[in-house]
């Protein structure tokens, strides 16, 4: 009997503390597995990508290649007349883009853009004593964009547009007597724009955009033709035939970068919290 009683006592000593510890562990587990509050669940819900985004942007432009003038900024009358370059580099502009989501997730968008850019040889530096030139560029673009996180507030994107540009302008050339004013008649050219940037949505309706794009405006449609009136010419950006001589004409690339900042308007969007 003494031996059996001793065994019971030992078992009691072992089992009771184990049961107590087990009950403590169960209580601890139920604490960690408690149901999340409604607020936490709402935070975990994904947002809704905008069906349409209207983007208004303002540009600062820097020309490249033949849209960089002589010494990158300075207008040289001889180079402009001979068709060596466009005679200018810097400019400004604005664009309005409609971005239409092509599926529910909203990553792929159809972009429709209209814009205006102006380039001036005396926009950044003082006017050259040899004269000045300016160009007005009206453009229309159609393209595709990939927005990486359309359901979030922060939305980085890249895109490619096919662009039609109507390029024209005016020049003033210094002479020994009175300055000579020249009109550059509007000329239609076709090219592409590569675009990359970010959007940040303040709320379901409004946000801002910041980005960079590079445009090659005259890949297709280059043409050089002789002027019919003394004080009028054309963009004249195509190669001349051997032995051919046309004022202001020569193979030129109308290529420029744009750094832009603007505001977005969202339609059909629900921000991710």
Protein backbone atom coordinates (compact mmCIF):
# COMPACT_ATOMS: atom_id res chain seq x y z
CA UNK A 1 0.00 0.00 0.00
CA UNK A 2 2.80 2.32 0.82
CA UNK A 3 4.38 1.70 -2.54
CA UNK A 4 1.08 2.36 -4.45
CA UNK A 5 0.44 5.53 -2.45
CA UNK A 6 3.92 6.77 -3.36
CA UNK A 7 3.24 6.16 -7.06
CA UNK A 8 -0.04 8.16 -6.88
CA UNK A 9 1.74 11.05 -5.24
CA UNK A 10 4.42 11.08 -7.96
CA UNK A 11 1.81 10.98 -10.73
CA UNK A 12 -0.14 13.81 -9.08
CA UNK A 13 3.01 15.91 -8.90
CA UNK A 14 3.73 15.33 -12.62
CA UNK A 15 0.22 15.59 -14.14
CA UNK A 16 -1.20 18.62 -12.31
CA UNK A 17 1.59 21.07 -13.28
CA UNK A 18 1.53 19.76 -16.87
CA UNK A 19 -2.21 20.31 -17.12
CA UNK A 20 -1.84 23.80 -15.69
CA UNK A 21 0.89 24.69 -18.20
CA UNK A 22 -1.16 23.30 -21.07
CA UNK A 23 -4.16 25.42 -20.10
CA UNK A 24 -1.91 28.49 -20.08
CA UNK A 25 -0.64 27.71 -23.61
CA UNK A 26 -4.18 27.29 -24.95
CA UNK A 27 -5.18 30.63 -23.51
CA UNK A 28 -2.14 32.26 -25.12
CA UNK A 29 -2.91 30.76 -28.54
CA UNK A 30 -6.50 31.95 -28.55
CA UNK A 31 -5.24 35.47 -27.90
CA UNK A 32 -3.12 35.43 -31.08
CA UNK A 33 -5.89 33.85 -33.14
CA UNK A 34 -8.55 36.37 -32.21
CA UNK A 35 -10.70 37.84 -35.00
CA UNK A 36 -9.27 41.04 -36.59
CA UNK A 37 -11.19 44.26 -36.16
CA UNK A 38 -13.22 45.72 -39.03
CA UNK A 39 -10.68 48.50 -39.42
CA UNK A 40 -7.82 46.06 -39.97
CA UNK A 41 -9.87 44.10 -42.49
CA UNK A 42 -10.62 47.29 -44.41
CA UNK A 43 -6.92 48.08 -44.51
CA UNK A 44 -6.25 44.71 -46.12
CA UNK A 45 -8.82 45.20 -48.87
CA UNK A 46 -7.31 46.13 -52.27
CA UNK A 47 -8.18 49.47 -53.84
CA UNK A 48 -9.90 49.94 -57.18
CA UNK A 49 -7.90 51.16 -60.17
CA UNK A 50 -9.25 54.26 -61.96
CA UNK A 51 -11.25 53.61 -65.11
CA UNK A 52 -10.12 56.93 -66.60
CA UNK A 53 -7.29 59.28 -65.61
CA UNK A 54 -7.07 62.82 -66.99
CA UNK A 55 -3.49 64.10 -66.75
CA UNK A 56 -2.53 67.75 -67.20
CA UNK A 57 1.24 68.33 -67.33
CA UNK A 58 3.65 71.23 -67.85
CA UNK A 59 6.97 70.60 -69.60
CA UNK A 60 10.51 71.91 -69.64
CA UNK A 61 12.17 70.82 -72.90
CA UNK A 62 15.79 70.22 -73.90
CA UNK A 63 16.62 69.55 -77.55
CA UNK A 64 19.03 66.86 -78.77
CA UNK A 65 21.02 66.20 -81.95
CA UNK A 66 20.08 68.86 -84.54
CA UNK A 67 17.64 70.49 -82.11
CA UNK A 68 20.62 71.53 -79.99
CA UNK A 69 21.87 74.36 -82.23
CA UNK A 70 25.49 75.35 -82.51
CA UNK A 71 27.43 75.07 -79.23
CA UNK A 72 24.23 73.60 -77.76
CA UNK A 73 22.53 76.97 -77.25
CA UNK A 74 23.83 79.77 -79.48
CA UNK A 75 22.01 80.78 -82.69
CA UNK A 76 24.31 80.90 -85.71
CA UNK A 77 22.82 82.47 -88.81
CA UNK A 78 25.15 80.60 -91.21
CA UNK A 79 24.27 77.18 -89.76
CA UNK A 80 20.55 77.91 -89.81
CA UNK A 81 20.55 79.13 -93.43
CA UNK A 82 22.64 76.16 -94.60
CA UNK A 83 20.31 73.70 -92.83
CA UNK A 84 22.96 72.37 -90.44
CA UNK A 85 20.59 72.56 -87.43
CA UNK A 86 17.30 74.02 -86.24
CA UNK A 87 19.02 76.94 -84.51
CA UNK A 88 17.62 76.41 -81.01
CA UNK A 89 17.51 73.98 -78.10
CA UNK A 90 15.37 74.89 -75.08
CA UNK A 91 11.64 75.24 -74.70
CA UNK A 92 8.49 74.76 -72.66
CA UNK A 93 5.06 73.26 -73.18
CA UNK A 94 1.97 71.56 -71.83
CA UNK A 95 0.01 68.40 -72.56
CA UNK A 96 -3.35 66.86 -71.73
CA UNK A 97 -3.57 63.05 -71.66
CA UNK A 98 -6.57 60.79 -71.23
CA UNK A 99 -5.61 57.37 -69.82
CA UNK A 100 -8.27 54.70 -70.30
CA UNK A 101 -7.98 51.38 -68.45
CA UNK A 102 -8.33 48.46 -70.87
CA UNK A 103 -9.23 45.85 -68.21
CA UNK A 104 -10.49 45.62 -64.64
CA UNK A 105 -7.06 45.49 -62.97
CA UNK A 106 -6.15 48.74 -64.70
CA UNK A 107 -2.48 48.04 -65.45
CA UNK A 108 -2.73 48.46 -69.22
CA UNK A 109 -4.03 51.83 -70.40
CA UNK A 110 -4.80 53.40 -73.74
CA UNK A 111 -3.30 56.91 -73.83
CA UNK A 112 -4.71 59.72 -75.97
CA UNK A 113 -2.65 62.93 -75.83
CA UNK A 114 -2.73 66.44 -77.22
CA UNK A 115 0.05 68.91 -76.52
CA UNK A 116 1.82 72.13 -77.39
CA UNK A 117 5.55 72.87 -77.14
CA UNK A 118 7.46 76.02 -77.97
CA UNK A 119 11.22 76.20 -78.61
CA UNK A 120 13.10 79.52 -78.62
CA UNK A 121 16.76 80.28 -79.27
CA UNK A 122 16.60 83.03 -76.63
CA UNK A 123 14.55 81.12 -74.02
CA UNK A 124 17.47 80.29 -71.67
CA UNK A 125 20.26 82.53 -72.95
CA UNK A 126 20.23 86.09 -74.27
CA UNK A 127 19.45 86.69 -77.93
CA UNK A 128 22.25 86.22 -80.45
CA UNK A 129 23.30 89.33 -82.45
CA UNK A 130 22.95 87.14 -85.57
CA UNK A 131 19.23 86.66 -85.04
CA UNK A 132 16.77 84.27 -83.43
CA UNK A 133 14.35 81.46 -84.22
CA UNK A 134 11.32 79.89 -82.56
CA UNK A 135 9.17 76.84 -83.27
CA UNK A 136 5.60 75.99 -82.31
CA UNK A 137 4.85 72.27 -82.11
CA UNK A 138 1.25 71.05 -81.93
CA UNK A 139 1.15 67.30 -81.31
CA UNK A 140 -1.32 64.45 -81.01
CA UNK A 141 -0.40 61.04 -79.61
CA UNK A 142 -1.92 57.57 -79.30
CA UNK A 143 -0.21 54.86 -77.28
CA UNK A 144 -0.08 52.17 -74.63
CA UNK A 145 1.00 52.51 -71.01
CA UNK A 146 1.74 49.99 -68.27
CA UNK A 147 0.91 51.19 -64.75
CA UNK A 148 2.61 48.86 -62.27
CA UNK A 149 0.41 49.52 -59.20
CA UNK A 150 -2.84 51.14 -60.39
CA UNK A 151 -4.74 50.16 -57.22
CA UNK A 152 -2.29 51.97 -54.92
CA UNK A 153 -1.77 55.64 -54.17
CA UNK A 154 1.77 55.47 -55.62
CA UNK A 155 1.57 54.54 -59.32
CA UNK A 156 4.78 54.25 -61.40
CA UNK A 157 4.34 53.77 -65.16
CA UNK A 158 6.05 53.52 -68.55
CA UNK A 159 4.53 54.02 -71.99
CA UNK A 160 5.09 54.41 -75.71
CA UNK A 161 3.09 56.75 -78.00
CA UNK A 162 2.95 57.25 -81.74
CA UNK A 163 2.92 61.01 -82.34
CA UNK A 164 1.87 63.35 -85.14
CA UNK A 165 3.40 66.83 -84.91
CA UNK A 166 2.64 70.03 -86.78
CA UNK A 167 5.86 72.05 -86.69
CA UNK A 168 6.15 75.70 -87.73
CA UNK A 169 7.67 78.92 -86.51
CA UNK A 170 9.44 82.19 -87.18
CA UNK A 171 13.01 83.43 -87.55
CA UNK A 172 14.68 86.81 -87.59
CA UNK A 173 18.03 87.06 -89.41
CA UNK A 174 20.34 90.01 -88.85
CA UNK A 175 21.58 91.82 -91.96
CA UNK A 176 23.72 94.88 -92.63
CA UNK A 177 20.55 96.95 -92.97
CA UNK A 178 17.15 95.93 -91.59
CA UNK A 179 16.57 92.53 -89.98
CA UNK A 180 14.99 89.91 -92.22
CA UNK A 181 11.85 88.18 -90.88
CA UNK A 182 11.20 84.63 -92.05
CA UNK A 183 8.08 82.51 -91.56
CA UNK A 184 8.53 78.73 -91.20
CA UNK A 185 5.33 77.22 -92.58
CA UNK A 186 3.62 74.38 -90.70
CA UNK A 187 4.86 70.93 -91.68
CA UNK A 188 3.39 67.59 -90.57
CA UNK A 189 5.78 64.97 -89.18
CA UNK A 190 5.35 61.59 -87.46
CA UNK A 191 7.39 60.02 -84.68
CA UNK A 192 7.35 58.34 -81.27
CA UNK A 193 7.48 59.30 -77.60
CA UNK A 194 8.84 57.11 -74.78
CA UNK A 195 7.33 58.10 -71.45
CA UNK A 196 8.03 57.19 -67.82
CA UNK A 197 6.86 58.68 -64.55
CA UNK A 198 4.88 58.38 -61.35
CA UNK A 199 1.46 59.36 -60.10
CA UNK A 200 0.51 59.89 -56.48
CA UNK A 201 -3.20 59.99 -55.57
CA UNK A 202 -4.10 62.34 -52.74
CA UNK A 203 -7.60 60.84 -52.69
CA UNK A 204 -10.08 59.11 -55.00
CA UNK A 205 -10.37 62.19 -57.22
CA UNK A 206 -7.08 64.10 -57.43
CA UNK A 207 -3.34 63.41 -57.52
CA UNK A 208 -0.14 64.70 -59.08
CA UNK A 209 2.26 63.39 -61.72
CA UNK A 210 6.01 63.72 -62.24
CA UNK A 211 7.99 62.25 -65.11
CA UNK A 212 10.28 62.26 -68.12
CA UNK A 213 9.67 61.64 -71.81
CA UNK A 214 11.80 61.70 -74.93
CA UNK A 215 10.28 62.49 -78.31
CA UNK A 216 11.64 61.93 -81.81
CA UNK A 217 9.11 63.98 -83.73
CA UNK A 218 10.23 63.62 -87.36
CA UNK A 219 11.09 59.97 -87.97
CA UNK A 220 8.57 59.81 -90.82
CA UNK A 221 7.56 62.57 -93.25
CA UNK A 222 10.85 64.42 -93.71
CA UNK A 223 10.79 66.75 -96.68
CA UNK A 224 12.86 69.60 -98.12
CA UNK A 225 11.33 71.91 -100.68
CA UNK A 226 12.28 75.24 -102.20
CA UNK A 227 10.48 78.32 -100.96
CA UNK A 228 7.96 79.98 -103.26
CA UNK A 229 8.05 83.30 -101.39
CA UNK A 230 11.21 85.06 -100.25
CA UNK A 231 10.16 85.45 -96.62
CA UNK A 232 8.59 81.99 -96.22
CA UNK A 233 10.13 78.53 -95.97
CA UNK A 234 9.37 75.04 -94.63
CA UNK A 235 10.84 72.88 -91.86
CA UNK A 236 13.11 71.39 -94.59
CA UNK A 237 14.58 68.42 -92.70
CA UNK A 238 15.28 65.92 -95.50
CA UNK A 239 18.54 65.17 -97.33
CA UNK A 240 19.23 67.11 -100.50
CA UNK A 241 20.02 65.41 -103.78
CA UNK A 242 23.51 65.69 -105.17
CA UNK A 243 23.98 69.14 -106.64
CA UNK A 244 20.70 70.42 -105.18
CA UNK A 245 20.75 73.66 -103.18
CA UNK A 246 17.82 74.82 -101.03
CA UNK A 247 18.10 77.45 -98.32
CA UNK A 248 17.45 76.28 -94.72
CA UNK A 249 17.38 72.64 -95.92
CA UNK A 250 19.35 69.63 -94.70
CA UNK A 251 18.98 66.29 -92.89
CA UNK A 252 17.88 67.19 -89.33
CA UNK A 253 16.41 65.33 -86.35
CA UNK A 254 13.72 67.06 -84.27
CA UNK A 255 14.37 65.23 -81.00
CA UNK A 256 13.89 66.48 -77.45
CA UNK A 257 13.50 65.49 -73.80
CA UNK A 258 10.72 66.79 -71.57
CA UNK A 259 10.70 66.92 -67.78
CA UNK A 260 7.14 67.40 -66.60
CA UNK A 261 5.01 68.01 -63.53
CA UNK A 262 1.25 68.25 -63.29
CA UNK A 263 -2.07 67.24 -61.79
CA UNK A 264 -4.23 64.12 -62.26
CA UNK A 265 -8.00 63.74 -62.11
CA UNK A 266 -9.31 60.23 -61.41
CA UNK A 267 -12.64 58.74 -62.40
CA UNK A 268 -13.95 55.45 -60.98
CA UNK A 269 -11.07 54.96 -58.54
CA UNK A 270 -11.10 53.76 -54.95
CA UNK A 271 -7.87 54.36 -53.09
CA UNK A 272 -6.15 51.55 -51.26
CA UNK A 273 -6.08 52.62 -47.58
